[in-house]
Protein backbone atom coordinates (compact mmCIF):
# COMPACT_ATOMS: atom_id res chain seq x y z
CA MET A 1 0.00 0.00 0.00
CA ASP A 2 1.39 3.35 -1.01
CA SER A 3 1.04 6.25 1.42
CA ARG A 4 -0.04 8.40 -1.54
CA LEU A 5 -3.18 6.28 -1.81
CA ILE A 6 -4.09 7.19 1.78
CA GLU A 7 -3.37 10.86 1.03
CA TYR A 8 -5.62 10.71 -2.04
CA PHE A 9 -8.35 8.93 -0.08
CA LEU A 10 -8.26 11.56 2.67
CA ARG A 11 -8.46 14.42 0.15
CA VAL A 12 -11.47 12.86 -1.63
CA ALA A 13 -13.13 12.26 1.74
CA GLU A 14 -12.49 15.85 2.81
CA LEU A 15 -13.80 17.42 -0.39
CA GLY A 16 -16.59 14.91 -1.03
CA SER A 17 -15.80 14.84 -4.73
CA ILE A 18 -13.33 12.95 -6.87
CA ASN A 19 -13.35 15.75 -9.45
CA ARG A 20 -12.55 18.47 -6.91
CA ALA A 21 -9.91 16.30 -5.24
CA ALA A 22 -8.32 15.51 -8.61
CA THR A 23 -8.09 19.20 -9.41
CA ASP A 24 -6.64 19.94 -5.97
CA LEU A 25 -4.11 17.10 -6.25
CA ARG A 26 -3.25 18.04 -9.85
CA LEU A 27 -4.31 14.63 -11.17
CA SER A 28 -6.78 13.70 -13.84
CA GLN A 29 -10.13 12.42 -12.60
CA PRO A 30 -9.66 8.98 -14.22
CA ALA A 31 -6.22 8.60 -12.63
CA LEU A 32 -7.53 9.49 -9.18
CA SER A 33 -10.46 7.09 -9.64
CA ARG A 34 -7.98 4.30 -10.47
CA HIS A 35 -5.93 5.11 -7.36
CA ILE A 36 -9.05 4.96 -5.18
CA ALA A 37 -10.12 1.68 -6.84
CA LEU A 38 -6.65 0.24 -6.16
CA LEU A 39 -6.84 1.25 -2.50
CA GLU A 40 -10.31 -0.29 -2.23
CA HIS A 41 -8.97 -3.48 -3.78
CA GLN A 42 -5.95 -3.64 -1.48
CA LEU A 43 -8.11 -3.11 1.59
CA ARG A 44 -10.84 -5.39 0.23
CA ALA A 45 -13.47 -2.81 1.15
CA LYS A 46 -15.54 -0.24 -0.69
CA LEU A 47 -14.61 3.15 0.76
CA PHE A 48 -17.01 5.46 -1.07
CA THR A 49 -20.54 5.40 -2.39
CA ARG A 50 -20.61 7.31 -5.66
CA THR A 51 -23.55 9.67 -6.13
CA ARG A 52 -24.47 12.32 -8.68
CA GLY A 53 -23.38 15.02 -6.26
CA GLY A 54 -20.03 13.46 -5.38
CA VAL A 55 -19.02 10.70 -3.01
CA GLN A 56 -19.98 9.67 0.51
CA LEU A 57 -17.93 7.55 2.86
CA THR A 58 -19.09 4.02 3.50
CA GLU A 59 -18.74 2.53 6.96
CA ALA A 60 -15.34 1.13 5.96
CA GLY A 61 -14.31 4.54 4.61
CA THR A 62 -15.36 6.22 7.84
CA LEU A 63 -13.36 3.71 9.86
CA LEU A 64 -10.28 4.21 7.68
CA ARG A 65 -10.59 7.98 7.95
CA ARG A 66 -10.72 7.71 11.73
CA GLY A 67 -7.89 5.16 11.70
CA ARG A 68 -9.76 2.72 13.91
CA THR A 69 -9.82 -0.47 11.92
CA GLY A 70 -8.02 -3.54 13.06
CA HIS A 71 -7.74 -4.50 9.38
CA THR A 72 -6.03 -1.42 7.95
CA LYS A 73 -4.17 0.07 10.88
CA PRO A 74 -1.49 -2.66 11.08
CA ARG A 75 -0.95 -2.52 7.30
CA ILE A 76 -0.52 1.26 7.36
CA ALA A 77 1.80 1.03 10.39
CA ALA A 78 3.84 -1.71 8.69
CA TYR A 79 4.18 0.43 5.58
CA LYS A 80 5.34 3.46 7.50
CA ALA A 81 7.75 1.41 9.63
CA SER A 82 9.38 -0.33 6.68
CA ALA A 83 9.22 2.56 4.21
CA LEU A 84 8.63 -0.13 1.59
CA PRO A 85 5.37 -0.55 -0.28
CA LEU A 86 3.34 -3.61 0.59
CA ARG A 87 3.07 -5.90 -2.42
CA PRO A 88 0.03 -5.04 -4.54
CA CYS A 89 -1.86 -7.58 -6.59
CA LEU A 90 0.12 -7.84 -9.80
CA SER A 91 -2.91 -8.87 -11.83
CA TYR A 92 -5.08 -5.93 -10.70
CA THR A 93 -5.77 -3.45 -13.49
CA GLY A 94 -8.32 -1.13 -11.91
CA SER A 95 -11.49 -3.07 -12.64
CA GLN A 96 -13.96 -3.71 -9.82
CA ASP A 97 -12.97 -7.34 -9.26
CA CYS A 98 -9.53 -8.80 -9.02
CA PRO A 99 -9.15 -11.36 -11.82
CA ARG A 100 -7.59 -13.78 -9.34
CA ARG A 101 -10.66 -13.51 -7.08
CA SER A 102 -10.22 -15.68 -4.00
CA ARG A 103 -6.64 -16.59 -4.92
CA CYS A 104 -5.59 -12.95 -4.63
CA ASP A 105 -3.16 -12.45 -1.76
CA CYS A 106 -2.39 -8.79 -2.19
């Protein structure tokens, strides 16, 4: 997991819009959407509900924002402690489902 993904997630959560966050982060909207999808895949949780007016945090997104999940907190701490990225799924391309499905160990 890349710390940039957490930074992008937090900015989208703060602004409530992928478009506004992309502009603020100087990224294209499709690129930011792919980064968010990758983070959701790595955490195996949907973080946002997309609406016409922007995005809203899901329960998992709210927990991640508060930093109170037993699932993500150790992974984030391990990343920061090692300064090395945790291995992402090599077959993940940004689609909703990992092609490896249950065999995915990312």
